[in-house]
Amino acid sequence: MSNADIKIVEVAIVGAGVAGLKAAQTILCDSRSKVKAKDVLVLEAQNRVGGRILTDRTSSKFAYNYDLGAAWFHDSLTNVVLKEATKLDNFNREQDTYYDDKDAKVYSQDGPVDLVETKINRVYDDLEKFIELYFYNDIEVEDMSLKEITNKYLDEYRNILTDEQQKYCRLLVRHYESWYGISWDIISAKYVLMDHHGRDLLNKNGYDFIIDKLKSDIPNESILLNAQVKVIDRSNKAHSRKILLELSSGIKVYCNYVVVTVPQSILQLPQSDPYGITWEPALPSNFQEALSSIHFGSLGKVIFEFDSIWWDKNEDRFTVLASETQDKPASEPITSHPKPFDYHTFIVNFASVHKENILRGSGLVILTQSPLTEYLESHSKEDAWRYYKPILEKLVVPGSTISNPINTIITDWTQNPYIRGSYAALHTHDDPSSLVIQLSGEIDNTGIVGHPNIRFAGEHAISDGAGCVHGAYSSGQREGEWVIQDMN
């Protein structure tokens, strides 16, 4: 083995997403740190940095910046990444962001649905309060799916609800599929409601700004691309280092600290999988049990651009409800082309988001959930349009006619072997607390039992901001600071 195949550093960071880059930037730039750039190495399996942040700045016919991964500043009152954005000289909050939270215009197969006149919106508020009270009053009550608890509410209050309220309330609740990337028949009712710290702010300019900002503080030689870690050996004694990382390329990295930021979906793979990680010795049972206690969602996007606007350009969002009857469970894998309206559809209207720049046409961004995401990401753009055309026809305003798209963009997160989906998602009976406690070191702040120098970061390894960019960012900062403190 040549010297080029051996690298000796103090800190190795596995994964160059926002968590990994923030960990590296913290270790290199914090005034308390004594670590030099040559002693930090970020290992990224893909040929680019950013992980699940991916801003497409080239595909749009209208010069839009499409975030194919994370796109919103969630919890905008407390979002640390948003605060970082406001410090940039070229950041203009009015031009670069947009609160796209005007109540969505709702359609069914039969046309527009008036939530206000029918008071369906107020009944829906009651449903959410029912879910909250059901689990709040008895923390030991057994979990059930979002679909099951919705039916429970409707059964209990059927005598004071109209048929229309019952029908549409049941269909509206599926909007949570566009949050978690999984279908309502497996979403955990116990954890479905989220406590938001502020409104969600759409990032119009692109989330890659935070990747570029972090990367600017990390020397190029401290980031190694196409570097898939296959083995993390904690029994190493060579080169006066405690840990050995073996890469699929044959390179060996010896280090004293490792911060693992790969997606939860990769951590859950068996070591026999070509993209899995072998741990020597094996991970402790408490870690293995925690990793099996939570699932991974598949939130994707389909973007259509049109040379004319035939929908209402003043609406921020559109919701097209799924059909009332389906011939199979919503979570069942799709084996043939799905029927229109089989799945809930949530659409962001870029004609409204970019109203100041509309000259002719614009785009519609559709969020997709499993199993539809897997189907669309593995099929052609023509298949996506064939599925969505009958759905989007409901949006056509009087005097207009739907046109075929001039451009189609589809994500590939479920097809990417280094990502395999989107982010943590809670199925019925999942327990998120166990995973967060184990991966964040909250039990004794020492990482893996018996080996404190192995640390974890990412959206799945933190409670505040779980599933979000600002959560991953904060977890990377947390672990970078831990390494600095431990070394000092």
Protein backbone atom coordinates (compact mmCIF):
# COMPACT_ATOMS: atom_id res chain seq x y z
CA MET A 1 0.00 0.00 0.00
CA SER A 2 1.42 3.40 -1.03
CA ASN A 3 1.58 6.46 1.18
CA ALA A 4 -1.22 7.97 -0.94
CA ASP A 5 -3.50 5.18 0.25
CA ILE A 6 -2.97 6.04 3.92
CA LYS A 7 -4.21 9.21 5.58
CA ILE A 8 -3.52 10.10 9.21
CA VAL A 9 -5.59 12.85 10.84
CA GLU A 10 -7.05 13.80 14.20
CA VAL A 11 -10.71 14.06 13.11
CA ALA A 12 -12.54 12.26 10.30
CA ILE A 13 -16.06 13.35 9.42
CA VAL A 14 -18.16 10.89 7.45
CA GLY A 15 -20.53 12.76 5.14
CA ALA A 16 -20.37 16.25 3.64
CA GLY A 17 -23.96 17.33 4.10
CA VAL A 18 -24.84 20.34 6.21
CA ALA A 19 -24.16 18.44 9.48
CA GLY A 20 -20.75 17.18 8.38
CA LEU A 21 -19.64 20.51 6.95
CA LYS A 22 -20.83 22.38 10.04
CA ALA A 23 -18.92 19.96 12.29
CA ALA A 24 -15.76 20.51 10.23
CA GLN A 25 -16.21 24.29 10.10
CA THR A 26 -16.75 24.43 13.87
CA ILE A 27 -13.61 22.41 14.59
CA LEU A 28 -11.53 24.54 12.24
CA CYS A 29 -12.90 28.00 13.03
CA ASP A 30 -13.89 28.00 16.70
CA SER A 31 -11.46 30.17 18.69
CA ARG A 32 -11.14 27.43 21.32
CA SER A 33 -9.94 24.84 18.82
CA LYS A 34 -6.29 23.86 18.42
CA VAL A 35 -6.92 21.66 15.38
CA LYS A 36 -5.21 22.54 12.11
CA ALA A 37 -6.71 22.05 8.67
CA LYS A 38 -4.33 19.16 7.89
CA ASP A 39 -5.79 17.26 10.86
CA VAL A 40 -9.42 17.30 9.65
CA LEU A 41 -10.72 15.17 6.78
CA VAL A 42 -14.32 15.14 5.51
CA LEU A 43 -15.17 11.94 3.61
CA GLU A 44 -18.06 12.18 1.14
CA ALA A 45 -19.29 9.12 -0.76
CA GLN A 46 -20.86 11.16 -3.56
CA ASN A 47 -19.10 13.33 -6.14
CA ARG A 48 -20.47 16.53 -4.61
CA VAL A 49 -20.96 18.11 -1.19
CA GLY A 50 -24.35 19.10 0.21
CA GLY A 51 -26.06 15.78 0.91
CA ARG A 52 -29.80 16.30 0.85
CA ILE A 53 -29.40 19.98 0.03
CA LEU A 54 -29.39 20.23 -3.76
CA THR A 55 -30.25 23.47 -5.54
CA ASP A 56 -30.88 23.20 -9.29
CA ARG A 57 -29.85 26.52 -10.86
CA THR A 58 -29.63 25.40 -14.47
CA SER A 59 -32.67 23.36 -15.49
CA SER A 60 -35.43 25.99 -15.26
CA LYS A 61 -36.70 27.68 -18.42
CA PHE A 62 -37.54 30.73 -16.28
CA ALA A 63 -34.27 31.06 -14.34
CA TYR A 64 -35.90 29.79 -11.13
CA ASN A 65 -33.74 28.16 -8.48
CA TYR A 66 -35.37 24.86 -7.54
CA ASP A 67 -34.37 23.20 -4.29
CA LEU A 68 -34.77 19.50 -5.01
CA GLY A 69 -34.19 18.69 -1.34
CA ALA A 70 -34.78 21.05 1.57
CA ALA A 71 -36.57 24.22 0.44
CA TRP A 72 -38.13 25.95 3.47
CA PHE A 73 -36.79 27.70 6.54
CA HIS A 74 -38.98 25.85 9.04
CA ASP A 75 -39.48 27.32 12.53
CA SER A 76 -38.55 30.75 11.19
CA LEU A 77 -38.62 32.41 14.63
CA THR A 78 -35.77 30.25 15.92
CA ASN A 79 -34.10 28.94 12.76
CA VAL A 80 -30.32 29.33 13.15
CA VAL A 81 -29.67 28.81 9.43
CA LEU A 82 -32.09 31.62 8.56
CA LYS A 83 -30.20 33.84 10.99
CA GLU A 84 -26.97 32.92 9.21
CA ALA A 85 -28.56 33.85 5.89
CA THR A 86 -29.52 37.30 7.13
CA LYS A 87 -25.84 38.01 7.87
CA LEU A 88 -24.85 37.60 4.21
CA ASP A 89 -24.24 40.78 2.24
CA ASN A 90 -26.12 39.48 -0.80
CA PHE A 91 -29.16 38.24 1.14
CA ASN A 92 -32.36 40.24 0.66
CA ARG A 93 -35.14 38.79 2.79
CA GLU A 94 -37.90 40.36 0.71
CA GLN A 95 -36.50 39.14 -2.60
CA ASP A 96 -34.96 35.84 -1.51
CA THR A 97 -37.72 34.41 0.68
CA TYR A 98 -41.50 34.15 0.59
CA TYR A 99 -44.13 33.14 3.15
CA ASP A 100 -46.12 30.84 0.90
CA ASP A 101 -48.58 29.94 3.65
CA LYS A 102 -51.79 31.41 2.31
CA ASP A 103 -54.50 28.79 2.86
CA ALA A 104 -54.32 26.33 0.00
CA LYS A 105 -57.11 26.24 -2.53
CA VAL A 106 -58.60 22.77 -2.28
CA TYR A 107 -59.97 20.59 -5.08
CA SER A 108 -61.45 17.13 -5.26
CA GLN A 109 -62.23 14.98 -8.28
CA ASP A 110 -65.48 16.92 -8.55
CA GLY A 111 -63.95 20.40 -8.51
CA PRO A 112 -63.26 23.13 -5.91
CA VAL A 113 -64.07 22.44 -2.24
CA ASP A 114 -65.24 25.40 -0.14
CA LEU A 115 -63.78 24.76 3.31
CA VAL A 116 -65.10 28.00 4.80
CA GLU A 117 -68.74 27.91 3.76
CA THR A 118 -69.07 24.25 4.75
CA LYS A 119 -67.11 24.87 8.00
CA ILE A 120 -64.89 21.93 7.13
CA ASN A 121 -61.89 23.97 8.22
CA ARG A 122 -63.27 24.28 11.75
CA VAL A 123 -64.06 20.57 11.90
CA TYR A 124 -60.50 19.87 10.81
CA ASP A 125 -59.24 22.03 13.70
CA ASP A 126 -61.31 19.85 16.02
CA LEU A 127 -59.78 16.70 14.55
CA GLU A 128 -56.26 17.93 15.30
CA LYS A 129 -57.27 18.90 18.84
CA PHE A 130 -58.87 15.46 19.26
CA ILE A 131 -55.57 13.81 18.30
CA GLU A 132 -53.65 16.02 20.73
CA LEU A 133 -55.99 15.31 23.64
CA TYR A 134 -56.20 11.60 22.89
CA PHE A 135 -52.49 11.09 23.55
CA TYR A 136 -51.95 13.94 26.01
CA ASN A 137 -54.48 12.62 28.52
CA ASP A 138 -52.85 9.19 28.63
CA ILE A 139 -49.22 9.00 27.57
CA GLU A 140 -49.35 5.21 27.80
CA VAL A 141 -52.19 4.89 25.27
CA GLU A 142 -51.26 2.67 22.37
CA ASP A 143 -50.26 4.35 19.14
CA MET A 144 -52.30 3.99 15.96
CA SER A 145 -52.07 5.29 12.42
CA LEU A 146 -53.25 8.72 11.31
CA LYS A 147 -55.92 7.00 9.26
CA GLU A 148 -57.15 5.01 12.26
CA ILE A 149 -57.39 7.98 14.63
CA THR A 150 -59.18 10.03 11.97
CA ASN A 151 -61.77 7.28 11.63
CA LYS A 152 -62.03 7.12 15.42
CA TYR A 153 -62.79 10.84 15.61
CA LEU A 154 -65.38 10.65 12.83
CA ASP A 155 -67.09 7.65 14.43
CA GLU A 156 -67.28 9.38 17.80
CA TYR A 157 -68.71 12.66 16.48
CA ARG A 158 -70.59 11.42 13.44
CA ASN A 159 -73.96 12.56 14.78
CA ILE A 160 -72.93 16.25 14.84
CA LEU A 161 -71.05 16.35 11.53
CA THR A 162 -72.52 16.70 8.07
CA ASP A 163 -71.79 14.07 5.44
CA GLU A 164 -69.70 16.63 3.58
CA GLN A 165 -67.66 17.48 6.67
CA GLN A 166 -66.99 13.82 7.37
CA LYS A 167 -65.98 13.14 3.78
CA TYR A 168 -63.57 16.02 3.26
CA CYS A 169 -62.11 16.10 6.75
CA ARG A 170 -61.02 12.51 6.22
CA LEU A 171 -59.35 13.42 2.94
CA LEU A 172 -57.77 16.67 4.13
CA VAL A 173 -55.83 15.01 6.93
CA ARG A 174 -53.68 13.30 4.32
CA HIS A 175 -51.82 16.59 3.86
CA TYR A 176 -49.45 15.22 6.53
CA GLU A 177 -48.18 12.82 3.86
CA SER A 178 -46.48 15.85 2.28
CA TRP A 179 -44.70 16.52 5.59
CA TYR A 180 -43.42 13.04 6.35
CA GLY A 181 -43.13 11.49 2.90
CA ILE A 182 -45.14 8.43 3.90
CA SER A 183 -48.83 7.54 3.62
CA TRP A 184 -51.46 8.16 6.28
CA ASP A 185 -52.13 4.47 6.93
CA ILE A 186 -48.66 4.14 8.49
CA ILE A 187 -48.02 7.67 9.88
CA SER A 188 -47.85 7.63 13.68
CA ALA A 189 -50.86 9.47 15.13
CA LYS A 190 -49.02 9.87 18.42
CA TYR A 191 -46.28 11.98 16.83
CA VAL A 192 -48.07 13.47 13.82
CA LEU A 193 -48.70 16.90 15.35
CA MET A 194 -45.68 19.18 15.40
CA ASP A 195 -44.93 22.19 17.59
CA HIS A 196 -43.70 24.89 15.21
CA HIS A 197 -41.61 27.85 16.32
CA GLY A 198 -42.81 30.26 13.71
CA ARG A 199 -44.07 30.09 10.16
CA ASP A 200 -42.41 28.28 7.28
CA LEU A 201 -40.50 30.59 4.94
CA LEU A 202 -39.81 29.40 1.39
CA ASN A 203 -36.19 29.91 0.36
CA LYS A 204 -36.55 31.35 -3.16
CA ASN A 205 -32.85 31.86 -3.77
CA GLY A 206 -31.68 28.34 -2.98
CA TYR A 207 -30.43 26.47 0.07
CA ASP A 208 -26.99 25.86 -1.38
CA PHE A 209 -25.93 29.19 0.12
CA ILE A 210 -25.32 27.50 3.51
CA ILE A 211 -23.26 24.74 1.87
CA ASP A 212 -21.16 27.33 0.03
CA LYS A 213 -20.73 29.37 3.22
CA LEU A 214 -19.55 26.39 5.27
CA LYS A 215 -17.34 25.04 2.49
CA SER A 216 -15.60 28.42 2.15
CA ASP A 217 -14.16 27.91 5.65
CA ILE A 218 -12.86 24.40 4.88
CA PRO A 219 -9.74 23.94 2.70
CA ASN A 220 -10.33 21.88 -0.45
CA GLU A 221 -7.69 19.38 0.64
CA SER A 222 -9.74 18.66 3.78
CA ILE A 223 -12.66 17.30 1.72
CA LEU A 224 -12.35 13.97 -0.11
CA LEU A 225 -15.12 13.17 -2.61
CA ASN A 226 -16.06 9.73 -3.95
CA ALA A 227 -14.91 8.41 -0.58
CA GLN A 228 -17.39 5.78 0.59
CA VAL A 229 -16.60 4.53 4.09
CA LYS A 230 -17.07 0.77 4.28
CA VAL A 231 -15.52 -0.09 7.68
CA ILE A 232 -15.25 1.77 10.98
CA ASP A 233 -12.80 -0.19 13.10
CA ARG A 234 -12.68 0.90 16.74
CA SER A 235 -10.09 -1.72 17.71
CA ASN A 236 -7.26 -0.06 15.76
CA LYS A 237 -3.85 0.40 17.39
CA ALA A 238 -1.82 1.54 14.36
CA HIS A 239 -0.23 4.93 13.73
CA SER A 240 -0.96 6.00 17.33
CA ARG A 241 -4.61 6.47 16.35
CA LYS A 242 -7.66 4.90 17.96
CA ILE A 243 -9.88 4.43 14.91
CA LEU A 244 -9.42 3.08 11.40
CA LEU A 245 -11.74 3.92 8.50
CA GLU A 246 -11.53 1.75 5.40
CA LEU A 247 -12.88 3.22 2.16
CA SER A 248 -14.32 1.29 -0.78
CA SER A 249 -11.39 2.62 -2.85
CA GLY A 250 -8.90 0.88 -0.56
CA ILE A 251 -7.76 4.08 1.17
CA LYS A 252 -7.28 3.78 4.93
CA VAL A 253 -7.85 6.73 7.24
CA TYR A 254 -6.41 6.62 10.77
CA CYS A 255 -7.85 9.10 13.27
CA ASN A 256 -8.69 9.75 16.91
CA TYR A 257 -12.20 11.15 16.43
CA VAL A 258 -15.00 10.27 14.02
CA VAL A 259 -18.20 12.24 13.48
CA VAL A 260 -20.68 10.10 11.51
CA THR A 261 -23.25 12.17 9.61
CA VAL A 262 -24.51 9.73 6.97
CA PRO A 263 -28.30 9.49 6.60
CA GLN A 264 -30.15 7.26 9.01
CA SER A 265 -31.13 5.12 6.00
CA ILE A 266 -27.44 4.21 5.51
CA LEU A 267 -26.89 3.46 9.20
CA GLN A 268 -29.81 1.02 9.02
CA LEU A 269 -28.34 -1.02 6.16
CA PRO A 270 -26.86 -4.43 6.97
CA GLN A 271 -23.08 -4.54 6.64
CA SER A 272 -23.47 -7.01 3.77
CA ASP A 273 -25.15 -4.33 1.67
CA PRO A 274 -22.78 -2.69 -0.87
CA TYR A 275 -23.61 0.70 0.64
CA GLY A 276 -23.71 -0.35 4.29
CA ILE A 277 -21.06 0.27 6.94
CA THR A 278 -19.30 -2.53 8.80
CA TRP A 279 -18.61 -1.74 12.47
CA GLU A 280 -15.77 -3.56 14.17
CA PRO A 281 -16.63 -4.47 16.82
CA ALA A 282 -20.37 -4.45 16.11
CA LEU A 283 -22.46 -1.56 17.35
CA PRO A 284 -23.78 -2.11 20.88
CA SER A 285 -27.26 -3.59 21.12
CA ASN A 286 -28.76 -0.35 22.43
CA PHE A 287 -27.62 1.41 19.24
CA GLN A 288 -28.92 -1.34 16.99
CA GLU A 289 -32.28 -1.33 18.76
CA ALA A 290 -32.51 2.46 18.51
CA LEU A 291 -31.77 2.37 14.78
CA SER A 292 -34.59 -0.10 14.25
CA SER A 293 -37.06 2.04 16.22
CA ILE A 294 -37.67 4.62 13.50
CA HIS A 295 -38.25 4.66 9.73
CA PHE A 296 -37.16 6.77 6.78
CA GLY A 297 -39.52 8.74 4.52
CA SER A 298 -39.50 9.29 0.78
CA LEU A 299 -40.48 12.88 0.11
CA GLY A 300 -39.76 13.80 -3.49
CA LYS A 301 -40.66 16.49 -6.00
CA VAL A 302 -42.02 16.70 -9.52
CA ILE A 303 -41.70 20.11 -11.18
CA PHE A 304 -43.61 21.08 -14.31
CA GLU A 305 -42.96 24.31 -16.21
CA PHE A 306 -45.46 25.67 -18.74
CA ASP A 307 -45.18 28.40 -21.38
CA SER A 308 -48.45 29.93 -20.22
CA ILE A 309 -50.28 30.20 -16.89
CA TRP A 310 -53.65 28.46 -17.06
CA TRP A 311 -54.14 28.20 -13.27
CA ASP A 312 -54.85 30.92 -10.69
CA LYS A 313 -51.52 32.74 -10.41
CA ASN A 314 -52.59 34.46 -7.17
CA GLU A 315 -52.87 31.28 -5.10
CA ASP A 316 -49.77 30.22 -3.14
CA ARG A 317 -50.69 26.56 -2.92
CA PHE A 318 -53.14 24.01 -4.25
CA THR A 319 -54.31 20.79 -2.65
CA VAL A 320 -55.98 18.09 -4.73
CA LEU A 321 -57.57 15.45 -2.54
CA ALA A 322 -57.19 11.75 -3.10
CA SER A 323 -60.19 9.68 -4.08
CA GLU A 324 -62.41 8.30 -1.33
CA THR A 325 -62.02 4.72 -2.40
CA GLN A 326 -58.82 2.94 -3.23
CA ASP A 327 -58.45 -0.67 -4.16
CA LYS A 328 -55.37 -1.22 -1.98
CA PRO A 329 -53.66 0.30 1.09
CA ALA A 330 -52.05 3.66 0.38
CA SER A 331 -48.64 2.43 1.59
CA GLU A 332 -48.56 -0.63 -0.67
CA PRO A 333 -45.81 -0.47 -3.33
CA ILE A 334 -46.97 0.59 -6.80
CA THR A 335 -46.47 -2.11 -9.40
CA SER A 336 -48.32 -0.56 -12.34
CA HIS A 337 -49.17 2.96 -13.45
CA PRO A 338 -51.30 4.50 -10.66
CA LYS A 339 -54.78 5.82 -11.26
CA PRO A 340 -55.29 9.60 -11.02
CA PHE A 341 -56.34 10.76 -7.55
CA ASP A 342 -55.03 7.63 -5.85
CA TYR A 343 -52.72 9.84 -3.78
CA HIS A 344 -52.92 13.19 -2.03
CA THR A 345 -51.41 16.04 -4.11
CA PHE A 346 -49.79 19.18 -2.68
CA ILE A 347 -48.65 21.87 -5.13
CA VAL A 348 -46.59 25.04 -4.65
CA ASN A 349 -47.39 27.74 -7.20
CA PHE A 350 -44.21 29.42 -8.44
CA ALA A 351 -46.29 31.92 -10.38
CA SER A 352 -47.25 33.35 -6.98
CA VAL A 353 -43.84 32.83 -5.39
CA HIS A 354 -42.13 34.69 -8.26
CA LYS A 355 -44.97 37.03 -9.19
CA GLU A 356 -42.56 39.94 -9.60
CA ASN A 357 -40.73 38.15 -12.43
CA ILE A 358 -43.61 36.61 -14.38
CA LEU A 359 -43.38 37.45 -18.08
CA ARG A 360 -45.18 34.51 -19.68
CA GLY A 361 -45.21 31.05 -18.14
CA SER A 362 -44.24 29.60 -14.78
CA GLY A 363 -43.91 26.39 -12.80
CA LEU A 364 -45.78 24.13 -10.41
CA VAL A 365 -43.79 22.22 -7.77
CA ILE A 366 -45.49 19.05 -6.54
CA LEU A 367 -44.39 17.28 -3.36
CA THR A 368 -44.67 13.51 -3.57
CA GLN A 369 -44.86 10.86 -0.86
CA SER A 370 -44.08 7.15 -0.67
CA PRO A 371 -44.93 4.92 -2.48
CA LEU A 372 -45.66 7.41 -5.28
CA THR A 373 -42.19 8.94 -4.95
CA GLU A 374 -40.47 5.62 -5.62
CA TYR A 375 -42.66 5.03 -8.67
CA LEU A 376 -42.22 8.47 -10.22
CA GLU A 377 -38.48 8.65 -9.53
CA SER A 378 -37.94 5.30 -11.25
CA HIS A 379 -40.08 6.07 -14.31
CA SER A 380 -40.04 8.55 -17.16
CA LYS A 381 -41.07 12.20 -17.23
CA GLU A 382 -43.87 11.18 -19.59
CA ASP A 383 -45.21 8.80 -16.93
CA ALA A 384 -45.24 11.64 -14.39
CA TRP A 385 -47.20 13.90 -16.73
CA ARG A 386 -49.62 11.08 -17.61
CA TYR A 387 -50.37 10.66 -13.91
CA TYR A 388 -50.66 14.35 -13.01
CA LYS A 389 -52.42 15.77 -16.06
CA PRO A 390 -55.97 14.71 -14.99
CA ILE A 391 -55.22 16.06 -11.50
CA LEU A 392 -53.88 19.41 -12.69
CA GLU A 393 -56.87 19.82 -15.03
CA LYS A 394 -58.88 20.64 -11.90
CA LEU A 395 -56.82 23.83 -11.52
CA VAL A 396 -57.69 25.28 -14.95
CA VAL A 397 -59.36 28.70 -14.64
CA PRO A 398 -62.34 29.61 -16.88
CA GLY A 399 -61.28 30.69 -20.33
CA SER A 400 -57.99 28.77 -20.21
CA THR A 401 -56.86 25.36 -21.37
CA ILE A 402 -54.25 23.11 -19.82
CA SER A 403 -51.06 22.83 -21.84
CA ASN A 404 -48.32 20.24 -21.89
CA PRO A 405 -45.21 21.09 -19.89
CA ILE A 406 -42.20 22.56 -21.66
CA ASN A 407 -39.92 21.24 -18.93
CA THR A 408 -40.15 18.49 -16.30
CA ILE A 409 -37.78 17.95 -13.37
CA ILE A 410 -38.05 14.90 -11.09
CA THR A 411 -35.95 14.19 -8.02
CA ASP A 412 -34.06 10.90 -7.63
CA TRP A 413 -33.63 10.63 -3.84
CA THR A 414 -35.02 7.09 -3.57
CA GLN A 415 -32.82 5.96 -6.45
CA ASN A 416 -29.66 7.42 -4.92
CA PRO A 417 -27.94 4.57 -3.00
CA TYR A 418 -26.21 7.07 -0.69
CA ILE A 419 -29.51 8.73 0.35
CA ARG A 420 -32.34 6.19 -0.21
CA GLY A 421 -35.17 8.62 0.55
CA SER A 422 -35.58 11.92 2.35
CA TYR A 423 -35.42 12.05 6.16
CA ALA A 424 -36.61 10.41 9.37
CA ALA A 425 -40.31 9.52 9.38
CA LEU A 426 -42.38 8.03 12.18
CA HIS A 427 -44.44 4.94 11.44
CA THR A 428 -47.03 3.73 13.89
CA HIS A 429 -45.37 2.46 17.10
CA ASP A 430 -42.02 4.12 16.29
CA ASP A 431 -40.17 5.73 19.19
CA PRO A 432 -38.00 8.70 18.13
CA SER A 433 -36.64 9.42 21.61
CA SER A 434 -34.47 6.30 21.73
CA LEU A 435 -32.63 7.08 18.50
CA VAL A 436 -32.05 10.73 19.36
CA ILE A 437 -30.81 9.86 22.84
CA GLN A 438 -28.35 7.28 21.54
CA LEU A 439 -27.04 9.28 18.58
CA SER A 440 -26.74 12.58 20.41
CA GLY A 441 -24.99 11.08 23.44
CA GLU A 442 -27.68 12.43 25.74
CA ILE A 443 -27.37 9.51 28.19
CA ASP A 444 -23.80 10.16 29.30
CA ASN A 445 -22.40 12.45 26.60
CA THR A 446 -19.81 9.90 25.57
CA GLY A 447 -21.02 8.60 22.22
CA ILE A 448 -20.84 4.85 21.65
CA VAL A 449 -20.60 2.97 24.92
CA GLY A 450 -16.96 2.06 25.51
CA HIS A 451 -15.70 4.38 22.78
CA PRO A 452 -16.41 8.07 23.38
CA ASN A 453 -14.59 9.26 20.26
CA ILE A 454 -17.36 8.09 17.91
CA ARG A 455 -20.02 10.80 17.54
CA PHE A 456 -23.15 11.21 15.41
CA ALA A 457 -24.82 14.20 13.76
CA GLY A 458 -27.61 14.78 11.26
CA GLU A 459 -31.32 15.57 11.15
CA HIS A 460 -32.03 12.20 12.78
CA ALA A 461 -29.68 12.83 15.73
CA ILE A 462 -31.36 15.83 17.32
CA SER A 463 -34.76 16.66 18.85
CA ASP A 464 -35.08 20.38 18.09
CA GLY A 465 -35.25 20.69 14.33
CA ALA A 466 -35.45 16.96 13.60
CA GLY A 467 -35.86 16.34 9.88
CA CYS A 468 -34.83 19.90 9.04
CA VAL A 469 -31.73 21.72 7.80
CA HIS A 470 -31.43 23.80 10.95
CA GLY A 471 -31.59 20.65 13.07
CA ALA A 472 -28.81 18.98 11.07
CA TYR A 473 -26.77 22.21 11.21
CA SER A 474 -27.15 22.45 14.99
CA SER A 475 -26.20 18.80 15.47
CA GLY A 476 -23.00 19.33 13.47
CA GLN A 477 -22.13 22.33 15.60
CA ARG A 478 -22.85 20.34 18.75
CA GLU A 479 -20.48 17.54 17.77
CA GLY A 480 -17.77 19.92 16.57
CA GLU A 481 -17.86 21.67 19.92
CA TRP A 482 -17.77 18.32 21.73
CA VAL A 483 -14.60 17.32 19.89
CA ILE A 484 -12.97 20.66 20.71
CA GLN A 485 -13.89 20.36 24.38
CA ASP A 486 -12.69 16.75 24.59
CA MET A 487 -9.37 17.53 22.93
CA ASN A 488 -8.79 20.49 25.23
